PDB file of N, CA and C in Angstrom:
ATOM      1  N   UNK A   1       9.865  -6.341   4.574  1.00  0.00           N
ATOM      2  CA  UNK A   1       8.596  -6.291   3.918  1.00  0.00           C
ATOM      3  C   UNK A   1       7.913  -7.640   4.311  1.00  0.00           C
ATOM      4  N   UNK A   2       6.656  -7.411   4.710  1.00  0.00           N
ATOM      5  CA  UNK A   2       5.971  -8.620   5.192  1.00  0.00           C
ATOM      6  C   UNK A   2       5.447  -9.419   3.959  1.00  0.00           C
ATOM      7  N   UNK A   3       4.948 -10.600   4.239  1.00  0.00           N
ATOM      8  CA  UNK A   3       4.433 -11.444   3.035  1.00  0.00           C
ATOM      9  C   UNK A   3       3.208 -10.622   2.397  1.00  0.00           C
ATOM     10  N   UNK A   4       2.336 -10.090   3.318  1.00  0.00           N
ATOM     11  CA  UNK A   4       1.174  -9.419   2.881  1.00  0.00           C
ATOM     12  C   UNK A   4       1.507  -8.137   2.018  1.00  0.00           C
ATOM     13  N   UNK A   5       2.454  -7.322   2.488  1.00  0.00           N
ATOM     14  CA  UNK A   5       3.062  -6.245   1.585  1.00  0.00           C
ATOM     15  C   UNK A   5       3.655  -6.775   0.227  1.00  0.00           C
ATOM     16  N   UNK A   6       4.312  -7.780   0.361  1.00  0.00           N
ATOM     17  CA  UNK A   6       5.033  -8.421  -0.825  1.00  0.00           C
ATOM     18  C   UNK A   6       3.900  -8.784  -1.965  1.00  0.00           C
ATOM     19  N   UNK A   7       2.741  -9.303  -1.478  1.00  0.00           N
ATOM     20  CA  UNK A   7       1.652  -9.750  -2.295  1.00  0.00           C
ATOM     21  C   UNK A   7       0.922  -8.499  -2.849  1.00  0.00           C
ATOM     22  N   UNK A   8       0.815  -7.504  -1.975  1.00  0.00           N
ATOM     23  CA  UNK A   8       0.235  -6.278  -2.529  1.00  0.00           C
ATOM     24  C   UNK A   8       0.996  -5.646  -3.592  1.00  0.00           C
ATOM     25  N   UNK A   9       2.348  -5.579  -3.418  1.00  0.00           N
ATOM     26  CA  UNK A   9       3.307  -5.075  -4.415  1.00  0.00           C
ATOM     27  C   UNK A   9       3.083  -5.858  -5.736  1.00  0.00           C
ATOM     28  N   UNK A  10       3.107  -7.101  -5.673  1.00  0.00           N
ATOM     29  CA  UNK A  10       3.074  -7.968  -6.905  1.00  0.00           C
ATOM     30  C   UNK A  10       1.708  -7.670  -7.602  1.00  0.00           C
ATOM     31  N   UNK A  11       0.638  -7.844  -6.805  1.00  0.00           N
ATOM     32  CA  UNK A  11      -0.732  -7.476  -7.525  1.00  0.00           C
ATOM     33  C   UNK A  11      -0.873  -6.097  -8.198  1.00  0.00           C
ATOM     34  N   UNK A  12      -0.507  -5.088  -7.470  1.00  0.00           N
ATOM     35  CA  UNK A  12      -0.537  -3.759  -7.809  1.00  0.00           C
ATOM     36  C   UNK A  12       0.366  -3.579  -9.210  1.00  0.00           C
ATOM     37  N   UNK A  13       1.538  -4.259  -9.092  1.00  0.00           N
ATOM     38  CA  UNK A  13       2.451  -4.114 -10.349  1.00  0.00           C
ATOM     39  C   UNK A  13       1.651  -4.824 -11.454  1.00  0.00           C
ATOM     40  N   UNK A  14       1.126  -5.851 -11.253  1.00  0.00           N
ATOM     41  CA  UNK A  14       0.268  -6.507 -12.368  1.00  0.00           C
ATOM     42  C   UNK A  14      -0.747  -5.785 -12.912  1.00  0.00           C
ATOM     43  N   UNK A  15      -1.451  -4.936 -12.064  1.00  0.00           N
ATOM     44  CA  UNK A  15      -2.502  -3.987 -12.381  1.00  0.00           C
ATOM     45  C   UNK A  15      -1.859  -2.795 -13.124  1.00  0.00           C
ATOM     46  N   UNK A  16      -0.763  -2.299 -12.787  1.00  0.00           N
ATOM     47  CA  UNK A  16      -0.281  -1.220 -13.480  1.00  0.00           C
ATOM     48  C   UNK A  16       0.178  -1.602 -14.816  1.00  0.00           C
ATOM     49  N   UNK A  17       0.708  -2.943 -14.939  1.00  0.00           N
ATOM     50  CA  UNK A  17       1.240  -3.187 -16.254  1.00  0.00           C
ATOM     51  C   UNK A  17      -0.007  -3.704 -17.154  1.00  0.00           C
ATOM     52  N   UNK A  18      -1.258  -3.792 -16.596  1.00  0.00           N
ATOM     53  CA  UNK A  18      -2.383  -4.111 -17.400  1.00  0.00           C
ATOM     54  C   UNK A  18      -2.743  -5.566 -17.601  1.00  0.00           C
ATOM     55  N   UNK A  19      -1.985  -6.412 -16.707  1.00  0.00           N
ATOM     56  CA  UNK A  19      -2.145  -7.921 -16.832  1.00  0.00           C
ATOM     57  C   UNK A  19      -3.349  -8.315 -16.251  1.00  0.00           C
ATOM     58  N   UNK A  20      -3.830  -7.482 -15.087  1.00  0.00           N
ATOM     59  CA  UNK A  20      -5.147  -7.808 -14.497  1.00  0.00           C
ATOM     60  C   UNK A  20      -5.901  -6.494 -14.403  1.00  0.00           C
ATOM     61  N   UNK A  21      -7.169  -6.587 -14.197  1.00  0.00           N
ATOM     62  CA  UNK A  21      -7.965  -5.336 -14.067  1.00  0.00           C
ATOM     63  C   UNK A  21      -7.881  -4.784 -12.701  1.00  0.00           C
ATOM     64  N   UNK A  22      -8.416  -3.523 -12.469  1.00  0.00           N
ATOM     65  CA  UNK A  22      -8.481  -3.036 -11.112  1.00  0.00           C
ATOM     66  C   UNK A  22      -9.443  -3.959 -10.314  1.00  0.00           C
ATOM     67  N   UNK A  23     -10.520  -4.349 -10.995  1.00  0.00           N
ATOM     68  CA  UNK A  23     -11.474  -5.186 -10.105  1.00  0.00           C
ATOM     69  C   UNK A  23     -10.968  -6.452  -9.785  1.00  0.00           C
ATOM     70  N   UNK A  24     -10.140  -7.154 -10.657  1.00  0.00           N
ATOM     71  CA  UNK A  24      -9.371  -8.363 -10.313  1.00  0.00           C
ATOM     72  C   UNK A  24      -8.507  -8.149  -9.005  1.00  0.00           C
ATOM     73  N   UNK A  25      -7.811  -6.935  -9.070  1.00  0.00           N
ATOM     74  CA  UNK A  25      -6.888  -6.641  -8.041  1.00  0.00           C
ATOM     75  C   UNK A  25      -7.486  -6.422  -6.798  1.00  0.00           C
ATOM     76  N   UNK A  26      -8.649  -5.680  -6.931  1.00  0.00           N
ATOM     77  CA  UNK A  26      -9.474  -5.451  -5.718  1.00  0.00           C
ATOM     78  C   UNK A  26      -9.933  -6.735  -5.069  1.00  0.00           C
ATOM     79  N   UNK A  27     -10.319  -7.637  -5.806  1.00  0.00           N
ATOM     80  CA  UNK A  27     -10.886  -8.819  -5.254  1.00  0.00           C
ATOM     81  C   UNK A  27      -9.747  -9.675  -4.578  1.00  0.00           C
ATOM     82  N   UNK A  28      -8.477  -9.758  -5.233  1.00  0.00           N
ATOM     83  CA  UNK A  28      -7.411 -10.480  -4.565  1.00  0.00           C
ATOM     84  C   UNK A  28      -7.055  -9.877  -3.378  1.00  0.00           C
ATOM     85  N   UNK A  29      -6.989  -8.640  -3.284  1.00  0.00           N
ATOM     86  CA  UNK A  29      -6.398  -7.940  -2.145  1.00  0.00           C
ATOM     87  C   UNK A  29      -7.452  -7.665  -1.105  1.00  0.00           C
ATOM     88  N   UNK A  30      -8.767  -7.759  -1.348  1.00  0.00           N
ATOM     89  CA  UNK A  30      -9.864  -7.510  -0.401  1.00  0.00           C
ATOM     90  C   UNK A  30     -10.001  -6.001  -0.270  1.00  0.00           C
ATOM     91  N   UNK A  31      -9.835  -5.285  -1.273  1.00  0.00           N
ATOM     92  CA  UNK A  31     -10.009  -3.717  -1.213  1.00  0.00           C
ATOM     93  C   UNK A  31     -11.135  -3.355  -2.242  1.00  0.00           C
ATOM     94  N   UNK A  32     -11.483  -2.066  -2.115  1.00  0.00           N
ATOM     95  CA  UNK A  32     -12.260  -1.489  -3.272  1.00  0.00           C
ATOM     96  C   UNK A  32     -11.554  -1.267  -4.482  1.00  0.00           C
ATOM     97  N   UNK A  33     -12.223  -1.115  -5.619  1.00  0.00           N
ATOM     98  CA  UNK A  33     -11.550  -0.661  -6.828  1.00  0.00           C
ATOM     99  C   UNK A  33     -10.889   0.601  -6.797  1.00  0.00           C
ATOM    100  N   UNK A  34     -11.677   1.630  -6.060  1.00  0.00           N
ATOM    101  CA  UNK A  34     -11.027   3.003  -5.896  1.00  0.00           C
ATOM    102  C   UNK A  34      -9.730   2.846  -5.075  1.00  0.00           C
ATOM    103  N   UNK A  35      -9.623   2.061  -4.158  1.00  0.00           N
ATOM    104  CA  UNK A  35      -8.328   2.021  -3.182  1.00  0.00           C
ATOM    105  C   UNK A  35      -7.314   1.404  -4.246  1.00  0.00           C
ATOM    106  N   UNK A  36      -7.726   0.555  -5.152  1.00  0.00           N
ATOM    107  CA  UNK A  36      -6.598  -0.075  -5.944  1.00  0.00           C
ATOM    108  C   UNK A  36      -6.050   1.015  -6.953  1.00  0.00           C
ATOM    109  N   UNK A  37      -7.014   1.843  -7.431  1.00  0.00           N
ATOM    110  CA  UNK A  37      -6.669   3.020  -8.236  1.00  0.00           C
ATOM    111  C   UNK A  37      -5.703   3.903  -7.574  1.00  0.00           C
ATOM    112  N   UNK A  38      -5.984   4.135  -6.351  1.00  0.00           N
ATOM    113  CA  UNK A  38      -5.086   5.008  -5.567  1.00  0.00           C
ATOM    114  C   UNK A  38      -3.737   4.376  -5.285  1.00  0.00           C
ATOM    115  N   UNK A  39      -3.760   3.144  -4.923  1.00  0.00           N
ATOM    116  CA  UNK A  39      -2.535   2.461  -4.805  1.00  0.00           C
ATOM    117  C   UNK A  39      -1.746   2.467  -6.113  1.00  0.00           C
ATOM    118  N   UNK A  40      -2.293   2.302  -7.231  1.00  0.00           N
ATOM    119  CA  UNK A  40      -1.562   2.357  -8.456  1.00  0.00           C
ATOM    120  C   UNK A  40      -0.953   3.500  -8.696  1.00  0.00           C
ATOM    121  N   UNK A  41      -1.712   4.697  -8.372  1.00  0.00           N
ATOM    122  CA  UNK A  41      -1.149   6.154  -8.462  1.00  0.00           C
ATOM    123  C   UNK A  41      -0.006   6.351  -7.633  1.00  0.00           C
ATOM    124  N   UNK A  42      -0.024   5.927  -6.463  1.00  0.00           N
ATOM    125  CA  UNK A  42       0.958   6.018  -5.334  1.00  0.00           C
ATOM    126  C   UNK A  42       2.292   5.185  -5.936  1.00  0.00           C
ATOM    127  N   UNK A  43       2.080   4.042  -6.587  1.00  0.00           N
ATOM    128  CA  UNK A  43       3.115   3.141  -6.869  1.00  0.00           C
ATOM    129  C   UNK A  43       3.846   3.823  -8.137  1.00  0.00           C
ATOM    130  N   UNK A  44       3.004   4.416  -9.023  1.00  0.00           N
ATOM    131  CA  UNK A  44       3.611   5.235 -10.178  1.00  0.00           C
ATOM    132  C   UNK A  44       4.369   6.313  -9.568  1.00  0.00           C
ATOM    133  N   UNK A  45       3.990   7.059  -8.777  1.00  0.00           N
ATOM    134  CA  UNK A  45       4.585   8.301  -8.191  1.00  0.00           C
ATOM    135  C   UNK A  45       5.886   7.937  -7.274  1.00  0.00           C
ATOM    136  N   UNK A  46       5.713   6.986  -6.348  1.00  0.00           N
ATOM    137  CA  UNK A  46       6.810   6.898  -5.445  1.00  0.00           C
ATOM    138  C   UNK A  46       7.287   5.380  -5.500  1.00  0.00           C
ATOM    139  N   UNK A  47       7.091   4.699  -6.421  1.00  0.00           N
ATOM    140  CA  UNK A  47       7.584   3.222  -6.603  1.00  0.00           C
ATOM    141  C   UNK A  47       7.082   2.356  -5.410  1.00  0.00           C
ATOM    142  N   UNK A  48       7.729   1.387  -5.227  1.00  0.00           N
ATOM    143  CA  UNK A  48       7.341   0.308  -4.116  1.00  0.00           C
ATOM    144  C   UNK A  48       7.124   0.953  -2.726  1.00  0.00           C
ATOM    145  N   UNK A  49       8.073   1.999  -2.584  1.00  0.00           N
ATOM    146  CA  UNK A  49       7.912   2.604  -1.208  1.00  0.00           C
ATOM    147  C   UNK A  49       6.632   3.299  -1.007  1.00  0.00           C
ATOM    148  N   UNK A  50       5.941   3.666  -2.048  1.00  0.00           N
ATOM    149  CA  UNK A  50       4.699   4.394  -1.945  1.00  0.00           C
ATOM    150  C   UNK A  50       3.539   3.362  -1.506  1.00  0.00           C
ATOM    151  N   UNK A  51       3.785   2.000  -1.413  1.00  0.00           N
ATOM    152  CA  UNK A  51       2.865   1.202  -0.992  1.00  0.00           C
ATOM    153  C   UNK A  51       2.897   0.753   0.521  1.00  0.00           C
ATOM    154  N   UNK A  52       4.040   1.192   1.213  1.00  0.00           N
ATOM    155  CA  UNK A  52       4.341   0.900   2.492  1.00  0.00           C
ATOM    156  C   UNK A  52       3.416   1.767   3.462  1.00  0.00           C
ATOM    157  N   UNK A  53       3.112   1.507   4.483  1.00  0.00           N
ATOM    158  CA  UNK A  53       2.261   2.237   5.439  1.00  0.00           C
ATOM    159  C   UNK A  53       3.030   3.473   5.807  1.00  0.00           C
ATOM    160  N   UNK A  54       2.372   4.601   5.860  1.00  0.00           N
ATOM    161  CA  UNK A  54       3.127   5.979   5.949  1.00  0.00           C
ATOM    162  C   UNK A  54       3.527   6.054   7.527  1.00  0.00           C
ATOM    163  N   UNK A  55       3.063   5.300   8.465  1.00  0.00           N
ATOM    164  CA  UNK A  55       3.484   5.481   9.810  1.00  0.00           C
ATOM    165  C   UNK A  55       4.569   4.457  10.151  1.00  0.00           C
ATOM    166  N   UNK A  56       5.214   3.686   9.067  1.00  0.00           N
ATOM    167  CA  UNK A  56       6.197   2.838   9.378  1.00  0.00           C
ATOM    168  C   UNK A  56       7.548   3.546   9.917  1.00  0.00           C
ATOM    169  N   UNK A  57       8.049   3.081  10.897  1.00  0.00           N
ATOM    170  CA  UNK A  57       9.263   3.774  11.476  1.00  0.00           C
ATOM    171  C   UNK A  57       8.971   4.765  12.380  1.00  0.00           C
ATOM    172  N   UNK A  58       7.708   5.127  12.689  1.00  0.00           N
ATOM    173  CA  UNK A  58       7.499   6.259  13.533  1.00  0.00           C
ATOM    174  C   UNK A  58       7.063   5.700  14.900  1.00  0.00           C
ATOM    175  N   UNK A  59       7.349   6.550  16.034  1.00  0.00           N
ATOM    176  CA  UNK A  59       6.915   5.908  17.264  1.00  0.00           C
ATOM    177  C   UNK A  59       5.432   6.122  17.434  1.00  0.00           C
ATOM    178  N   UNK A  60       4.968   5.429  18.280  1.00  0.00           N
ATOM    179  CA  UNK A  60       3.434   5.396  18.563  1.00  0.00           C
ATOM    180  C   UNK A  60       3.140   6.833  19.209  1.00  0.00           C
ATOM    181  N   UNK A  61       1.947   7.250  18.991  1.00  0.00           N
ATOM    182  CA  UNK A  61       1.636   8.735  19.423  1.00  0.00           C
ATOM    183  C   UNK A  61       1.681   8.672  21.044  1.00  0.00           C
ATOM    184  N   UNK A  62       1.307   7.645  21.799  1.00  0.00           N
ATOM    185  CA  UNK A  62       1.375   7.731  23.207  1.00  0.00           C
ATOM    186  C   UNK A  62       2.863   7.842  23.712  1.00  0.00           C
ATOM    187  N   UNK A  63       3.728   7.432  22.887  1.00  0.00           N
ATOM    188  CA  UNK A  63       5.141   7.573  23.308  1.00  0.00           C
ATOM    189  C   UNK A  63       5.488   8.956  23.472  1.00  0.00           C
ATOM    190  N   UNK A  64       5.048   9.827  22.628  1.00  0.00           N
ATOM    191  CA  UNK A  64       5.321  11.225  22.665  1.00  0.00           C
ATOM    192  C   UNK A  64       4.668  11.932  23.865  1.00  0.00           C
ATOM    193  N   UNK A  65       3.421  11.337  24.290  1.00  0.00           N
ATOM    194  CA  UNK A  65       2.750  11.929  25.467  1.00  0.00           C
ATOM    195  C   UNK A  65       3.570  11.563  26.781  1.00  0.00           C
ATOM    196  N   UNK A  66       4.082  10.523  26.884  1.00  0.00           N
ATOM    197  CA  UNK A  66       4.919   9.951  27.977  1.00  0.00           C
ATOM    198  C   UNK A  66       6.086  10.696  28.204  1.00  0.00           C
ATOM    199  N   UNK A  67       6.804  11.057  27.109  1.00  0.00           N
ATOM    200  CA  UNK A  67       8.087  11.632  27.001  1.00  0.00           C
ATOM    201  C   UNK A  67       7.849  13.147  27.320  1.00  0.00           C
ATOM    202  N   UNK A  68       6.707  13.781  26.919  1.00  0.00           N
ATOM    203  CA  UNK A  68       6.367  15.177  27.093  1.00  0.00           C
ATOM    204  C   UNK A  68       6.505  15.896  26.087  1.00  0.00           C
ATOM    205  N   UNK A  69       6.551  15.369  24.816  1.00  0.00           N
ATOM    206  CA  UNK A  69       6.617  16.232  23.674  1.00  0.00           C
ATOM    207  C   UNK A  69       5.370  16.801  23.076  1.00  0.00           C
TER     208      UNK A  69
END
């Protein structure tokens, strides 16, 4: 997990616990309030793994074109 992702997890955890507001979390992370709400929902549903980028661990789409899939 990168430093950026660790920070995101920490801030969203604080927002979920109610220690900071969605607006404060959005300002810290440079996101909109709506995006913070979406991240909180994903964190509640999937835990920390829900905050990781969904394409993590997948090959680039051009790799599939070169292989012929």
